[in-house]
Amino acid sequence: MGVIYILLTISIIVAIVFFISFIISVRNGQYDDVYTPSVRMLFDDELIKETKEKSSGSNTTKQS
């Protein structure tokens, strides 16, 4: 029965250590997304072209 208490105590201590290290890494910016902005840059032109086509299409209907 004593072994269960020892293992339970050790597992709680390990869980607390992992939780504290997770909090520290989040505060230090370890999980900041640095990949998406670089990929988003490649697709910005397509979004701008689509909005220009929509706005130019609406401008031609207004001018007619």
C-alpha atoms as a PDB file:
ATOM      1  CA  MET A   1       0.000   0.000   0.000  1.00  0.00           C
ATOM      2  CA  GLY A   2       2.917   2.303   0.712  1.00  0.00           C
ATOM      3  CA  VAL A   3       4.196   1.869  -2.839  1.00  0.00           C
ATOM      4  CA  ILE A   4       0.961   3.316  -4.229  1.00  0.00           C
ATOM      5  CA  TYR A   5       1.399   6.474  -2.163  1.00  0.00           C
ATOM      6  CA  ILE A   6       5.011   6.836  -3.293  1.00  0.00           C
ATOM      7  CA  LEU A   7       4.114   6.346  -6.965  1.00  0.00           C
ATOM      8  CA  LEU A   8       1.177   8.730  -6.671  1.00  0.00           C
ATOM      9  CA  THR A   9       3.374  11.379  -5.083  1.00  0.00           C
ATOM     10  CA  ILE A  10       6.076  10.970  -7.745  1.00  0.00           C
ATOM     11  CA  SER A  11       3.539  11.146 -10.576  1.00  0.00           C
ATOM     12  CA  ILE A  12       1.992  14.325  -9.149  1.00  0.00           C
ATOM     13  CA  ILE A  13       5.445  15.898  -8.810  1.00  0.00           C
ATOM     14  CA  VAL A  14       6.298  14.982 -12.420  1.00  0.00           C
ATOM     15  CA  ALA A  15       2.967  16.397 -13.630  1.00  0.00           C
ATOM     16  CA  ILE A  16       3.600  19.659 -11.763  1.00  0.00           C
ATOM     17  CA  VAL A  17       7.107  19.917 -13.252  1.00  0.00           C
ATOM     18  CA  PHE A  18       5.755  19.406 -16.777  1.00  0.00           C
ATOM     19  CA  PHE A  19       2.975  21.927 -16.181  1.00  0.00           C
ATOM     20  CA  ILE A  20       5.421  24.548 -14.901  1.00  0.00           C
ATOM     21  CA  SER A  21       7.747  23.972 -17.848  1.00  0.00           C
ATOM     22  CA  PHE A  22       4.772  24.329 -20.213  1.00  0.00           C
ATOM     23  CA  ILE A  23       3.746  27.638 -18.619  1.00  0.00           C
ATOM     24  CA  ILE A  24       7.324  28.932 -18.838  1.00  0.00           C
ATOM     25  CA  SER A  25       7.631  27.940 -22.498  1.00  0.00           C
ATOM     26  CA  VAL A  26       4.319  29.632 -23.368  1.00  0.00           C
ATOM     27  CA  ARG A  27       5.425  32.837 -21.645  1.00  0.00           C
ATOM     28  CA  ASN A  28       8.732  32.766 -23.526  1.00  0.00           C
ATOM     29  CA  GLY A  29       6.942  32.484 -26.870  1.00  0.00           C
ATOM     30  CA  GLN A  30       7.959  28.916 -27.624  1.00  0.00           C
ATOM     31  CA  TYR A  31       4.615  28.183 -29.268  1.00  0.00           C
ATOM     32  CA  ASP A  32       4.355  31.352 -31.332  1.00  0.00           C
ATOM     33  CA  ASP A  33       3.439  30.527 -34.884  1.00  0.00           C
ATOM     34  CA  VAL A  34       6.284  31.547 -37.160  1.00  0.00           C
ATOM     35  CA  TYR A  35       5.364  29.327 -40.105  1.00  0.00           C
ATOM     36  CA  THR A  36       1.933  30.670 -41.017  1.00  0.00           C
ATOM     37  CA  PRO A  37       2.966  34.317 -41.618  1.00  0.00           C
ATOM     38  CA  SER A  38       5.620  33.198 -44.099  1.00  0.00           C
ATOM     39  CA  VAL A  39       3.109  31.068 -45.982  1.00  0.00           C
ATOM     40  CA  ARG A  40       0.386  33.716 -45.765  1.00  0.00           C
ATOM     41  CA  MET A  41       2.721  36.094 -47.579  1.00  0.00           C
ATOM     42  CA  LEU A  42       2.634  33.776 -50.602  1.00  0.00           C
ATOM     43  CA  PHE A  43      -1.163  33.825 -50.785  1.00  0.00           C
ATOM     44  CA  ASP A  44      -1.731  37.550 -50.179  1.00  0.00           C
ATOM     45  CA  ASP A  45      -1.435  38.352 -53.892  1.00  0.00           C
ATOM     46  CA  GLU A  46      -4.241  35.971 -54.783  1.00  0.00           C
ATOM     47  CA  LEU A  47      -6.515  37.579 -52.202  1.00  0.00           C
ATOM     48  CA  ILE A  48      -5.706  41.068 -53.497  1.00  0.00           C
ATOM     49  CA  LYS A  49      -6.328  40.003 -57.107  1.00  0.00           C
ATOM     50  CA  GLU A  50      -9.693  38.506 -56.180  1.00  0.00           C
ATOM     51  CA  THR A  51     -10.816  41.644 -54.384  1.00  0.00           C
ATOM     52  CA  LYS A  52      -9.616  43.840 -57.259  1.00  0.00           C
ATOM     53  CA  GLU A  53     -11.506  41.690 -59.764  1.00  0.00           C
ATOM     54  CA  LYS A  54     -14.654  41.932 -57.680  1.00  0.00           C
ATOM     55  CA  SER A  55     -14.307  45.677 -57.270  1.00  0.00           C
ATOM     56  CA  SER A  56     -13.443  46.239 -60.943  1.00  0.00           C
ATOM     57  CA  GLY A  57     -16.376  44.066 -61.950  1.00  0.00           C
ATOM     58  CA  SER A  58     -18.697  46.159 -59.849  1.00  0.00           C
ATOM     59  CA  ASN A  59     -17.183  49.371 -61.257  1.00  0.00           C
ATOM     60  CA  THR A  60     -17.828  48.311 -64.850  1.00  0.00           C
ATOM     61  CA  THR A  61     -21.476  47.632 -64.071  1.00  0.00           C
ATOM     62  CA  LYS A  62     -21.814  51.064 -62.470  1.00  0.00           C
ATOM     63  CA  GLN A  63     -20.218  52.808 -65.468  1.00  0.00           C
ATOM     64  CA  SER A  64     -22.453  51.096 -68.052  1.00  0.00           C
END
